[in-house]
Protein backbone atom coordinates (compact mmCIF):
# COMPACT_ATOMS: atom_id res chain seq x y z
CA MET A 1 4.57 -46.25 25.59
CA LEU A 2 1.64 -45.59 27.91
CA ILE A 3 -0.07 -42.20 28.14
CA GLY A 4 1.49 -41.31 31.49
CA GLU A 5 5.01 -41.83 30.16
CA VAL A 6 4.21 -39.84 27.00
CA ALA A 7 2.88 -37.00 29.15
CA ARG A 8 6.03 -37.03 31.29
CA ARG A 9 8.42 -37.01 28.33
CA SER A 10 6.53 -34.56 26.11
CA GLY A 11 5.31 -32.12 28.73
CA VAL A 12 1.79 -32.47 27.35
CA SER A 13 -0.69 -33.41 30.06
CA ALA A 14 -2.60 -36.69 29.87
CA ARG A 15 -5.80 -34.67 29.80
CA MET A 16 -4.61 -32.72 26.75
CA LEU A 17 -3.49 -35.94 25.03
CA ARG A 18 -6.97 -37.33 25.49
CA HIS A 19 -8.36 -34.06 24.08
CA TYR A 20 -6.13 -34.45 21.03
CA GLU A 21 -7.42 -37.98 20.63
CA SER A 22 -11.06 -36.84 20.87
CA LEU A 23 -10.38 -34.36 18.05
CA GLY A 24 -8.67 -36.99 15.94
CA LEU A 25 -5.34 -35.19 16.01
CA VAL A 26 -3.42 -38.18 17.38
CA ARG A 27 -4.62 -41.71 17.94
CA PRO A 28 -2.60 -44.29 19.88
CA THR A 29 -1.87 -47.12 17.47
CA ALA A 30 -2.35 -49.88 20.01
CA ARG A 31 -3.82 -50.94 23.33
CA SER A 32 -2.12 -52.95 26.02
CA GLY A 33 -3.52 -56.23 27.25
CA SER A 34 -5.14 -54.25 30.05
CA GLY A 35 -6.76 -51.85 27.56
CA TYR A 36 -4.41 -48.91 28.16
CA ARG A 37 -3.43 -46.62 25.28
CA GLU A 38 -0.02 -47.34 23.81
CA TYR A 39 1.76 -44.70 21.76
CA SER A 40 4.23 -45.67 19.05
CA ASP A 41 7.30 -43.63 18.13
CA ASP A 42 5.31 -42.15 15.22
CA ASP A 43 2.51 -41.19 17.60
CA ILE A 44 4.95 -39.41 19.87
CA ARG A 45 6.52 -37.59 16.94
CA ARG A 46 3.05 -36.43 15.92
CA VAL A 47 2.44 -35.10 19.44
CA PHE A 48 5.63 -33.03 19.15
CA HIS A 49 4.55 -31.79 15.68
CA ILE A 50 1.21 -30.71 17.12
CA GLU A 51 2.91 -28.77 19.92
CA SER A 52 5.35 -27.15 17.47
CA LEU A 53 2.53 -25.91 15.24
CA ARG A 54 0.52 -24.70 18.22
CA SER A 55 3.54 -22.68 19.35
CA LEU A 56 3.22 -20.71 16.09
CA GLY A 57 -0.30 -19.68 17.00
CA LEU A 58 -2.19 -22.21 14.88
CA SER A 59 -5.60 -23.34 16.06
CA LEU A 60 -6.06 -27.07 16.64
CA ARG A 61 -8.23 -27.15 13.54
CA ASP A 62 -5.43 -25.67 11.42
CA VAL A 63 -2.95 -28.05 13.06
CA GLY A 64 -5.04 -30.98 11.90
CA ARG A 65 -5.24 -29.61 8.37
CA ALA A 66 -1.50 -28.95 8.28
CA LEU A 67 -0.69 -32.52 9.34
CA ASP A 68 -3.31 -34.43 7.35
CA ASP A 69 -4.21 -32.46 4.20
CA PRO A 70 -1.65 -33.15 1.43
CA ASP A 71 -2.85 -30.07 -0.46
CA PHE A 72 -2.49 -27.77 2.53
CA ALA A 73 -0.44 -24.67 1.60
CA PRO A 74 1.49 -23.42 4.61
CA ALA A 75 2.65 -20.15 3.01
CA ARG A 76 -0.79 -18.53 3.08
CA LEU A 77 -1.42 -19.62 6.65
CA VAL A 78 1.97 -18.29 7.76
CA ASP A 79 1.16 -14.97 6.09
CA ASP A 80 -2.14 -14.87 7.98
CA LEU A 81 -0.33 -15.66 11.23
CA ILE A 82 2.15 -12.86 10.60
CA ARG A 83 -0.65 -10.38 9.95
CA ASP A 84 -2.64 -11.47 13.01
CA THR A 85 0.46 -11.39 15.20
CA ARG A 86 1.34 -7.89 14.07
CA ALA A 87 -2.20 -6.72 14.79
CA ARG A 88 -2.06 -8.32 18.23
CA ILE A 89 1.33 -6.76 18.99
CA ALA A 90 0.05 -3.35 17.87
CA ALA A 91 -2.99 -3.67 20.12
CA GLU A 92 -0.89 -4.80 23.08
CA THR A 93 1.63 -2.02 22.45
CA GLU A 94 -1.16 0.55 22.37
CA LEU A 95 -2.52 -0.81 25.64
CA LEU A 96 0.94 -0.77 27.23
CA THR A 97 1.47 2.82 26.09
CA ARG A 98 -1.86 3.85 27.56
CA LEU A 99 -1.10 2.15 30.86
CA ARG A 100 2.31 3.82 31.05
CA ARG A 101 0.76 7.20 30.40
CA ILE A 102 -1.83 6.65 33.10
CA ASP A 103 0.96 5.62 35.46
CA ALA A 104 2.97 8.72 34.50
CA ALA A 105 0.02 10.91 35.45
CA GLY A 106 0.31 9.58 39.02
CA PRO A 107 -3.38 8.97 39.70
CA ALA A 108 -4.21 8.81 43.41
CA ALA A 109 -7.66 7.30 43.04
CA TRP A 110 -9.83 5.49 40.50
CA ASP A 111 -11.56 8.76 39.67
CA ASP A 112 -8.17 10.09 38.59
CA VAL A 113 -7.54 6.99 36.47
CA LEU A 114 -10.91 7.39 34.77
CA ARG A 115 -10.25 11.07 34.16
CA VAL A 116 -6.88 10.39 32.50
CA VAL A 117 -8.43 7.63 30.39
CA ALA A 118 -11.13 10.05 29.26
CA LEU A 119 -8.51 12.68 28.35
CA LEU A 120 -6.43 10.14 26.43
CA GLN A 121 -9.52 8.99 24.55
CA ALA A 122 -10.34 12.59 23.71
CA LEU A 123 -6.82 13.09 22.36
CA GLY A 124 -7.51 10.29 19.89
CA SER A 125 -10.95 11.58 18.93
CA GLU A 126 -11.79 12.25 15.29
CA ASN A 127 -13.37 15.52 16.45
CA ALA A 128 -10.89 18.40 16.49
CA ASP A 129 -12.82 20.28 19.19
CA SER A 130 -12.64 17.26 21.49
CA ARG A 131 -8.89 16.99 20.99
CA GLN A 132 -8.44 20.68 21.71
CA ARG A 133 -10.59 20.56 24.85
CA ALA A 134 -8.52 17.64 26.12
CA ALA A 135 -5.33 19.67 25.77
CA LEU A 136 -6.89 22.74 27.39
CA THR A 137 -8.27 20.66 30.27
CA SER A 138 -4.90 19.04 30.83
CA GLY A 139 -3.09 22.34 30.70
CA THR A 140 -5.27 23.86 33.42
CA SER A 141 -5.83 20.89 35.71
CA GLY A 142 -3.01 21.92 38.01
CA ALA A 143 -3.41 20.58 41.52
CA SER A 144 -5.66 17.69 40.54
CA GLY A 145 -2.58 15.61 39.82
CA THR A 146 -4.13 14.07 36.74
CA GLU A 147 -2.80 16.16 33.90
CA LEU A 148 -2.05 14.40 30.65
CA PRO A 149 1.52 13.08 30.54
CA ALA A 150 3.90 15.14 28.42
CA GLU A 151 4.58 12.09 26.26
CA ALA A 152 0.92 11.92 25.25
CA LEU A 153 0.77 15.64 24.51
CA ALA A 154 3.98 15.49 22.46
CA GLU A 155 2.69 12.53 20.49
CA ALA A 156 -0.56 14.38 19.84
CA ALA A 157 1.34 17.48 18.72
CA LEU A 158 3.35 15.42 16.25
CA ASN A 159 0.25 13.91 14.67
CA GLU A 160 -2.18 16.85 14.77
CA PRO A 161 -3.09 18.17 11.29
CA GLU A 162 -5.25 21.10 12.50
CA PRO A 163 -3.06 24.19 13.15
CA ASN A 164 -5.22 25.62 15.96
CA VAL A 165 -5.41 22.30 17.79
CA ALA A 166 -1.69 21.73 17.31
CA GLY A 167 -1.04 25.15 18.83
CA THR A 168 -3.06 24.17 21.89
CA PHE A 169 -1.07 20.96 22.24
CA ARG A 170 2.17 22.94 22.08
CA TRP A 171 0.86 25.35 24.74
CA ALA A 172 -0.03 22.48 27.06
CA LEU A 173 3.26 20.75 26.30
CA ALA A 174 5.26 23.88 27.19
CA ARG A 175 3.69 23.81 30.68
CA SER A 176 5.23 20.39 31.28
CA GLY A 177 8.83 21.57 30.83
CA ASP A 178 11.25 19.24 29.08
CA ALA A 179 9.32 16.04 29.81
CA GLY A 180 8.08 15.77 26.20
CA LEU A 181 11.53 16.14 24.61
CA PRO A 182 12.23 12.40 24.11
CA THR A 183 9.01 12.04 22.10
CA LEU A 184 9.78 15.17 20.06
CA ALA A 185 13.29 13.82 19.41
CA ARG A 186 11.73 10.68 17.96
CA GLY A 187 9.52 12.94 15.86
CA LEU A 188 12.63 14.50 14.30
CA ASP A 189 13.57 11.01 13.09
CA SER A 190 10.20 10.43 11.40
CA PRO A 191 10.31 9.63 7.67
CA ASP A 192 7.42 12.10 7.25
CA PRO A 193 8.66 15.70 6.84
CA GLU A 194 5.34 17.06 8.13
CA VAL A 195 5.86 15.22 11.42
CA ARG A 196 9.41 16.57 11.63
CA ALA A 197 8.11 20.09 11.00
CA ARG A 198 5.55 19.68 13.80
CA ALA A 199 8.35 18.53 16.08
CA VAL A 200 10.27 21.73 15.34
CA HIS A 201 7.16 23.85 15.96
CA ALA A 202 6.73 22.15 19.33
CA LEU A 203 10.39 22.64 20.22
CA VAL A 204 10.04 26.39 19.66
CA ALA A 205 7.87 26.52 22.79
CA LEU A 206 10.54 24.74 24.88
CA PRO A 207 13.33 27.28 25.45
CA GLY A 208 15.87 25.19 27.38
CA GLU A 209 19.27 23.94 26.25
CA ALA A 210 17.96 20.46 25.51
CA GLY A 211 15.36 21.87 23.14
CA THR A 212 18.00 24.06 21.48
CA ALA A 213 20.19 20.99 20.91
CA LEU A 214 17.32 19.26 19.11
CA LEU A 215 16.74 22.35 16.98
CA ARG A 216 20.41 22.27 16.01
CA ARG A 217 19.83 18.70 14.86
CA ALA A 218 16.85 19.82 12.80
CA LEU A 219 19.04 22.42 11.12
CA ALA A 220 20.56 19.55 9.10
CA ASP A 221 17.18 18.15 8.03
CA PRO A 222 17.05 17.37 4.29
CA ASP A 223 13.61 18.97 3.97
CA ALA A 224 13.87 22.71 3.30
CA ALA A 225 10.72 23.60 5.23
CA VAL A 226 11.98 21.78 8.32
CA HIS A 227 15.47 23.23 8.45
CA ARG A 228 14.15 26.72 7.72
CA LEU A 229 11.82 26.49 10.70
CA ALA A 230 14.75 25.36 12.82
CA ALA A 231 16.89 28.25 11.54
CA LEU A 232 14.26 30.83 12.48
CA ALA A 233 13.91 29.34 15.96
CA LEU A 234 17.67 29.17 16.49
CA GLY A 235 18.13 32.70 15.22
CA ALA A 236 15.64 33.93 17.81
CA ARG A 237 17.70 32.07 20.45
CA GLY A 238 20.95 33.69 19.37
CA VAL A 239 22.56 30.55 17.95
CA PRO A 240 25.23 31.52 15.35
CA GLU A 241 24.82 28.28 13.37
CA ALA A 242 21.57 29.71 12.05
CA VAL A 243 23.26 32.56 10.16
CA GLN A 244 23.91 30.79 6.86
CA PRO A 245 20.46 29.17 6.55
CA LEU A 246 18.88 32.54 7.33
CA LEU A 247 20.98 34.24 4.65
CA ASP A 248 19.88 31.57 2.19
CA MET A 249 16.25 32.28 3.07
CA VAL A 250 16.70 35.99 2.37
CA VAL A 251 18.26 35.27 -1.02
CA ALA A 252 15.55 32.75 -1.91
CA GLY A 253 12.74 35.01 -0.75
CA THR A 254 11.32 32.32 1.55
CA SER A 255 10.06 33.85 4.81
CA ASP A 256 12.70 36.48 4.08
CA VAL A 257 11.21 39.09 6.41
CA ASP A 258 11.27 36.65 9.32
CA ALA A 259 14.78 35.56 8.36
CA ALA A 260 15.96 39.19 8.25
CA ASP A 261 14.44 39.79 11.69
CA ALA A 262 16.24 36.72 13.02
CA LEU A 263 19.54 37.94 11.56
CA GLY A 264 18.97 41.29 13.24
CA ALA A 265 18.29 39.58 16.55
CA LEU A 266 21.47 37.54 16.20
CA ALA A 267 23.54 40.59 15.32
CA ALA A 268 22.22 42.42 18.38
CA THR A 269 23.65 39.75 20.69
CA ASP A 270 27.31 40.13 19.73
CA ASP A 271 29.33 42.84 17.95
CA THR A 272 31.64 40.32 16.30
CA LEU A 273 28.69 38.35 15.00
CA ALA A 274 27.12 41.60 13.73
CA GLU A 275 30.28 42.32 11.73
CA ARG A 276 30.26 38.79 10.34
CA ILE A 277 26.61 39.01 9.25
CA ALA A 278 27.15 42.44 7.69
CA ALA A 279 30.15 41.09 5.75
CA ALA A 280 28.14 38.11 4.53
CA LEU A 281 25.28 40.31 3.33
CA THR A 282 27.71 42.69 1.64
CA GLY A 283 29.40 39.78 -0.14
CA LEU A 284 26.07 38.46 -1.43
CA LEU A 285 25.18 41.94 -2.69
CA ALA A 286 28.52 42.27 -4.45
CA HIS A 287 28.08 38.94 -6.22
CA ASP A 288 24.57 39.87 -7.31
CA SER A 289 23.22 36.71 -5.69
CA GLY A 290 19.68 35.95 -6.77
CA GLY A 291 19.17 38.89 -9.10
CA PRO A 292 17.61 42.35 -8.49
CA ALA A 293 14.80 41.15 -6.21
CA ALA A 294 17.25 39.28 -3.99
CA ARG A 295 19.57 42.33 -3.82
CA ARG A 296 16.67 44.42 -2.57
CA ARG A 297 15.85 41.86 0.12
CA LEU A 298 19.51 41.70 1.13
CA THR A 299 19.61 45.49 1.44
CA GLN A 300 16.53 45.45 3.65
CA ALA A 301 18.13 42.74 5.78
CA LEU A 302 21.32 44.77 6.07
CA ALA A 303 19.23 47.63 7.43
CA ASP A 304 18.48 45.58 10.57
CA ILE A 305 22.14 44.85 11.34
CA PRO A 306 23.73 47.22 13.88
CA GLY A 307 27.34 48.36 13.79
CA PRO A 308 29.77 50.29 11.60
CA ALA A 309 30.26 47.51 9.02
CA ALA A 310 26.59 47.55 8.09
CA SER A 311 26.59 51.36 8.01
CA ARG A 312 29.58 51.42 5.64
CA ALA A 313 27.94 48.89 3.37
CA LEU A 314 24.70 50.88 3.31
CA ASP A 315 26.61 54.06 2.55
CA GLY A 316 28.12 52.37 -0.50
CA LEU A 317 24.70 51.20 -1.62
CA THR A 318 23.29 54.75 -1.67
CA HIS A 319 24.85 55.05 -5.14
CA ASP A 320 23.75 51.62 -6.36
CA GLU A 321 22.56 51.29 -9.96
CA ASP A 322 19.32 49.74 -8.68
CA ARG A 323 17.22 52.73 -7.68
CA VAL A 324 15.21 50.74 -5.13
CA VAL A 325 18.41 49.53 -3.46
CA ALA A 326 19.84 53.06 -3.41
CA LEU A 327 16.68 54.60 -1.98
CA THR A 328 16.40 51.88 0.67
CA ALA A 329 20.02 52.39 1.75
CA THR A 330 19.61 56.17 1.87
CA TYR A 331 16.44 55.92 3.94
CA VAL A 332 17.97 53.48 6.42
CA LEU A 333 21.12 55.57 6.84
CA GLY A 334 18.94 58.57 7.61
CA LEU A 335 17.17 56.63 10.33
CA ARG A 336 20.49 55.52 11.81
CA GLU A 337 21.75 59.08 11.97
CA GLU A 338 18.63 60.11 13.89
CA ARG A 339 19.20 57.46 16.56
CA PRO A 340 20.91 58.75 19.72
């Protein structure tokens, strides 16, 4: 078969076939009487083998080795190709993400594009001050129309190890409304509990219903630190589902003062809920949950709960065998009686 027919059937141009021949990858086995190259069936099969290997990302040099070296080990080369392909995909994905973020910023001119690029580069800086300045600059850019996209700020907040810088990211993110919620939602699915905790911290600054729904999701997180953060945030928002986790925190002595404050805030929103919280605290006291120290914390928490149920429980505790519990209950009842 002549080179033109091979090119037509294989889809490989005659010029490329000649290039393969110059490299020794494929050599026509014969010449016609007129001196034209003639390809045998084996030659054509080799052309297809070359194209198949090239489609995997092999260089022409590696293609030649794969076809001609009997000791050639394909497994190592395939592993190298997998590694290189992953690196290339990661680089392309990073570029695509950057381009999308620039597009989301809505730049009106090349100066705006360059400014957003500079801010995004600063977000990825190894210098904490540079990262913080980027967030502050974005948060105050206002009418320039080139603020950092919420997605970029949310991603930075999820990955920021420095507490002060992370706080700045959360401040800037809060100015963008709910736009960063999808990224924070992905953060809640991270296998790293520290990332999930940062997501909850960021959600605290976003007071809408969508943010509250994500905090409810975090309430079921298997990591204690994460679901406790979510419970404190939900308690401050008046969400009843936070009651039991907050009670558990008081018993355990983990951020118990904050948990007691959150229970008080919840109780203040609804009389029925106040009665329920008072009953729960009273039950834990009656069952001596957590020992003497826990009973004292529970009594202090009960002091923040309004309503007659809490007052009755405190009245009963004025005669408690634990002197600290009794004195605490007596003191709190005295304060309640002084209130108008």
